[in-house]
């Protein structure tokens, strides 16, 4: 298995894991806040947006968010390149999505863009330093792994929320003992 094959496998995982959640995802659950500002809607939206924006920057293409009209379909009133990085609690709570399938459709488009980008690379491209702001400098392969792992982490957070009892979603914070 080549490095590119491994990266393709990792890139697919956020979508696979999100699809497994779909049967449980009602609009009420997706937009609930379990004593935290990040809902499942925010977590899945952010996962897709961070893949989408970072792959667009690497590939020199327009993000699916605008190219495929997801910005208009979600109608969140956000800046074109907003991907949730640094959102305050109130900003995160503004991500409200009634169409759960739209979240998965956007994630699918972002993952597809990543897979298409990976198909344009060869093994030598993976070692190229693409960001010297860090120590050590970031290679293309390190950035691609980081993009996928961040998305997987957020989808796993959504999976955790999906399994919570309804009492976890009250607006009251539980008393500490």
Protein backbone atom coordinates (compact mmCIF):
# COMPACT_ATOMS: atom_id res chain seq x y z
CA UNK A 1 0.00 0.00 0.00
CA UNK A 2 1.45 3.38 -0.99
CA UNK A 3 1.40 6.58 1.06
CA UNK A 4 -1.23 7.96 -1.32
CA UNK A 5 -3.39 4.88 -0.77
CA UNK A 6 -3.17 5.42 2.99
CA UNK A 7 -4.07 9.09 2.59
CA UNK A 8 -7.09 8.16 0.44
CA UNK A 9 -8.23 5.71 3.11
CA UNK A 10 -7.87 8.31 5.86
CA UNK A 11 -9.62 10.95 3.76
CA UNK A 12 -12.70 8.74 3.36
CA UNK A 13 -13.13 8.02 7.07
CA UNK A 14 -14.93 11.20 8.21
CA UNK A 15 -17.64 10.60 5.62
CA UNK A 16 -17.94 6.90 6.42
CA UNK A 17 -18.30 7.65 10.13
CA UNK A 18 -20.81 10.45 9.54
CA UNK A 19 -22.91 8.23 7.28
CA UNK A 20 -23.08 5.62 10.04
CA UNK A 21 -24.69 8.24 12.30
CA UNK A 22 -27.36 9.25 9.78
CA UNK A 23 -30.19 6.97 11.02
CA UNK A 24 -30.10 8.66 14.45
CA UNK A 25 -29.74 12.25 13.23
CA UNK A 26 -32.99 14.15 13.59
CA UNK A 27 -33.06 17.94 13.20
CA UNK A 28 -33.72 18.21 16.94
CA UNK A 29 -30.69 16.10 17.87
CA UNK A 30 -28.44 17.72 15.26
CA UNK A 31 -29.15 21.19 16.65
CA UNK A 32 -29.15 20.30 20.36
CA UNK A 33 -26.41 21.61 22.64
CA UNK A 34 -25.27 19.12 25.30
CA UNK A 35 -24.03 21.65 27.85
CA UNK A 36 -21.69 22.89 25.15
CA UNK A 37 -21.82 25.40 22.31
CA UNK A 38 -20.88 22.88 19.61
CA UNK A 39 -23.88 20.96 18.31
CA UNK A 40 -23.72 18.03 15.92
CA UNK A 41 -24.71 20.51 13.19
CA UNK A 42 -21.66 22.66 14.00
CA UNK A 43 -19.34 19.65 14.26
CA UNK A 44 -20.37 18.14 10.91
CA UNK A 45 -20.48 21.54 9.19
CA UNK A 46 -17.02 22.41 10.54
CA UNK A 47 -15.60 19.02 9.50
CA UNK A 48 -16.69 19.59 5.91
CA UNK A 49 -15.65 23.25 5.87
CA UNK A 50 -12.15 22.65 7.18
CA UNK A 51 -11.53 19.91 4.62
CA UNK A 52 -13.07 22.04 1.88
CA UNK A 53 -11.10 25.23 2.59
CA UNK A 54 -7.76 23.56 3.16
CA UNK A 55 -7.99 21.34 0.08
CA UNK A 56 -9.05 24.33 -2.02
CA UNK A 57 -5.97 26.21 -0.79
CA UNK A 58 -3.69 23.26 -1.59
CA UNK A 59 -5.21 22.55 -5.00
CA UNK A 60 -5.82 26.14 -6.09
CA UNK A 61 -9.51 25.44 -6.69
CA UNK A 62 -12.70 27.06 -5.45
CA UNK A 63 -14.15 25.42 -2.32
CA UNK A 64 -17.23 23.26 -2.84
CA UNK A 65 -18.93 25.60 -0.32
CA UNK A 66 -19.23 28.30 -3.00
CA UNK A 67 -18.58 26.34 -6.22
CA UNK A 68 -21.46 23.94 -5.55
CA UNK A 69 -23.74 26.45 -3.87
CA UNK A 70 -23.63 25.06 -0.35
CA UNK A 71 -23.25 28.61 1.00
CA UNK A 72 -26.68 29.51 -0.42
CA UNK A 73 -28.27 26.17 0.47
CA UNK A 74 -27.16 26.37 4.11
CA UNK A 75 -28.04 30.09 4.25
CA UNK A 76 -26.04 30.69 7.42
CA UNK A 77 -25.04 34.25 6.58
CA UNK A 78 -21.32 33.51 6.96
CA UNK A 79 -18.31 34.87 5.13
CA UNK A 80 -17.32 32.68 2.16
CA UNK A 81 -14.20 31.26 3.84
CA UNK A 82 -15.58 30.88 7.38
CA UNK A 83 -14.94 27.34 8.52
CA UNK A 84 -15.62 27.75 12.22
CA UNK A 85 -12.01 28.10 13.31
CA UNK A 86 -12.04 30.41 16.31
CA UNK A 87 -15.83 30.60 16.54
CA UNK A 88 -17.09 31.98 19.82
CA UNK A 89 -19.81 30.07 21.64
CA UNK A 90 -22.49 32.35 20.24
CA UNK A 91 -21.15 31.96 16.70
CA UNK A 92 -21.12 28.18 17.05
CA UNK A 93 -24.71 28.26 18.30
CA UNK A 94 -25.74 30.16 15.16
CA UNK A 95 -24.99 27.09 13.05
CA UNK A 96 -28.48 25.65 12.86
CA UNK A 97 -29.32 23.15 10.12
CA UNK A 98 -32.74 21.59 9.56
CA UNK A 99 -31.67 19.44 6.59
CA UNK A 100 -29.43 16.76 8.07
CA UNK A 101 -28.80 15.27 4.65
CA UNK A 102 -27.36 18.60 3.51
CA UNK A 103 -24.64 18.28 6.17
CA UNK A 104 -23.68 14.87 4.80
CA UNK A 105 -23.90 16.07 1.20
CA UNK A 106 -21.46 18.89 1.92
CA UNK A 107 -19.11 16.53 3.75
CA UNK A 108 -19.30 14.15 0.78
CA UNK A 109 -18.38 17.01 -1.62
CA UNK A 110 -15.44 18.05 0.57
CA UNK A 111 -14.14 14.50 0.85
CA UNK A 112 -14.53 14.05 -2.90
CA UNK A 113 -12.49 17.22 -3.48
CA UNK A 114 -9.80 15.78 -1.21
CA UNK A 115 -9.79 12.46 -3.06
CA UNK A 116 -9.61 14.25 -6.41
CA UNK A 117 -6.69 16.29 -5.12
CA UNK A 118 -4.92 13.16 -3.89
CA UNK A 119 -5.38 11.60 -7.34
CA UNK A 120 -3.44 14.54 -8.81
CA UNK A 121 -0.37 13.86 -6.63
CA UNK A 122 2.49 11.45 -6.82
CA UNK A 123 4.59 10.13 -3.95
CA UNK A 124 7.28 12.82 -4.45
CA UNK A 125 4.69 15.59 -3.96
CA UNK A 126 4.05 14.38 -0.42
CA UNK A 127 7.47 15.39 0.89
CA UNK A 128 7.27 18.98 -0.38
CA UNK A 129 7.33 21.57 2.41
CA UNK A 130 4.21 23.69 2.00
CA UNK A 131 4.22 25.73 5.22
CA UNK A 132 7.37 27.05 6.82
CA UNK A 133 5.55 28.87 9.63
CA UNK A 134 5.97 25.83 11.89
CA UNK A 135 8.95 24.09 13.41
CA UNK A 136 9.42 21.64 11.86
CA UNK A 137 8.04 22.95 8.56
CA UNK A 138 4.86 21.23 7.36
CA UNK A 139 5.02 18.84 4.43
CA UNK A 140 2.11 18.22 2.10
CA UNK A 141 1.61 14.76 3.59
CA UNK A 142 1.58 16.09 7.15
CA UNK A 143 -1.04 18.70 6.20
CA UNK A 144 -3.21 16.08 4.49
CA UNK A 145 -3.06 13.82 7.54
CA UNK A 146 -3.88 16.79 9.80
CA UNK A 147 -6.92 17.74 7.68
CA UNK A 148 -8.33 14.22 7.86
CA UNK A 149 -7.59 13.67 11.55
CA UNK A 150 -9.27 16.95 12.50
CA UNK A 151 -12.37 15.96 10.57
CA UNK A 152 -12.40 12.48 12.09
CA UNK A 153 -12.09 13.96 15.59
CA UNK A 154 -15.08 16.25 15.05
CA UNK A 155 -17.22 13.51 13.52
CA UNK A 156 -16.34 11.31 16.51
CA UNK A 157 -17.48 14.12 18.81
CA UNK A 158 -20.77 14.14 16.89
CA UNK A 159 -21.00 10.37 17.40
CA UNK A 160 -20.48 10.85 21.14
CA UNK A 161 -23.27 13.42 21.30
CA UNK A 162 -25.53 11.12 19.27
CA UNK A 163 -25.29 8.52 22.02
CA UNK A 164 -26.15 10.86 24.89
CA UNK A 165 -29.32 10.63 26.94
CA UNK A 166 -31.88 13.42 26.46
CA UNK A 167 -31.08 14.78 29.94
CA UNK A 168 -27.70 15.90 28.61
CA UNK A 169 -29.43 18.48 26.43
CA UNK A 170 -31.15 20.61 29.05
CA UNK A 171 -30.16 24.25 29.18
CA UNK A 172 -29.39 23.87 32.86
CA UNK A 173 -25.91 22.81 33.83
CA UNK A 174 -25.90 19.91 36.28
CA UNK A 175 -25.01 20.65 39.85
CA UNK A 176 -21.51 19.64 40.80
CA UNK A 177 -21.11 17.44 43.83
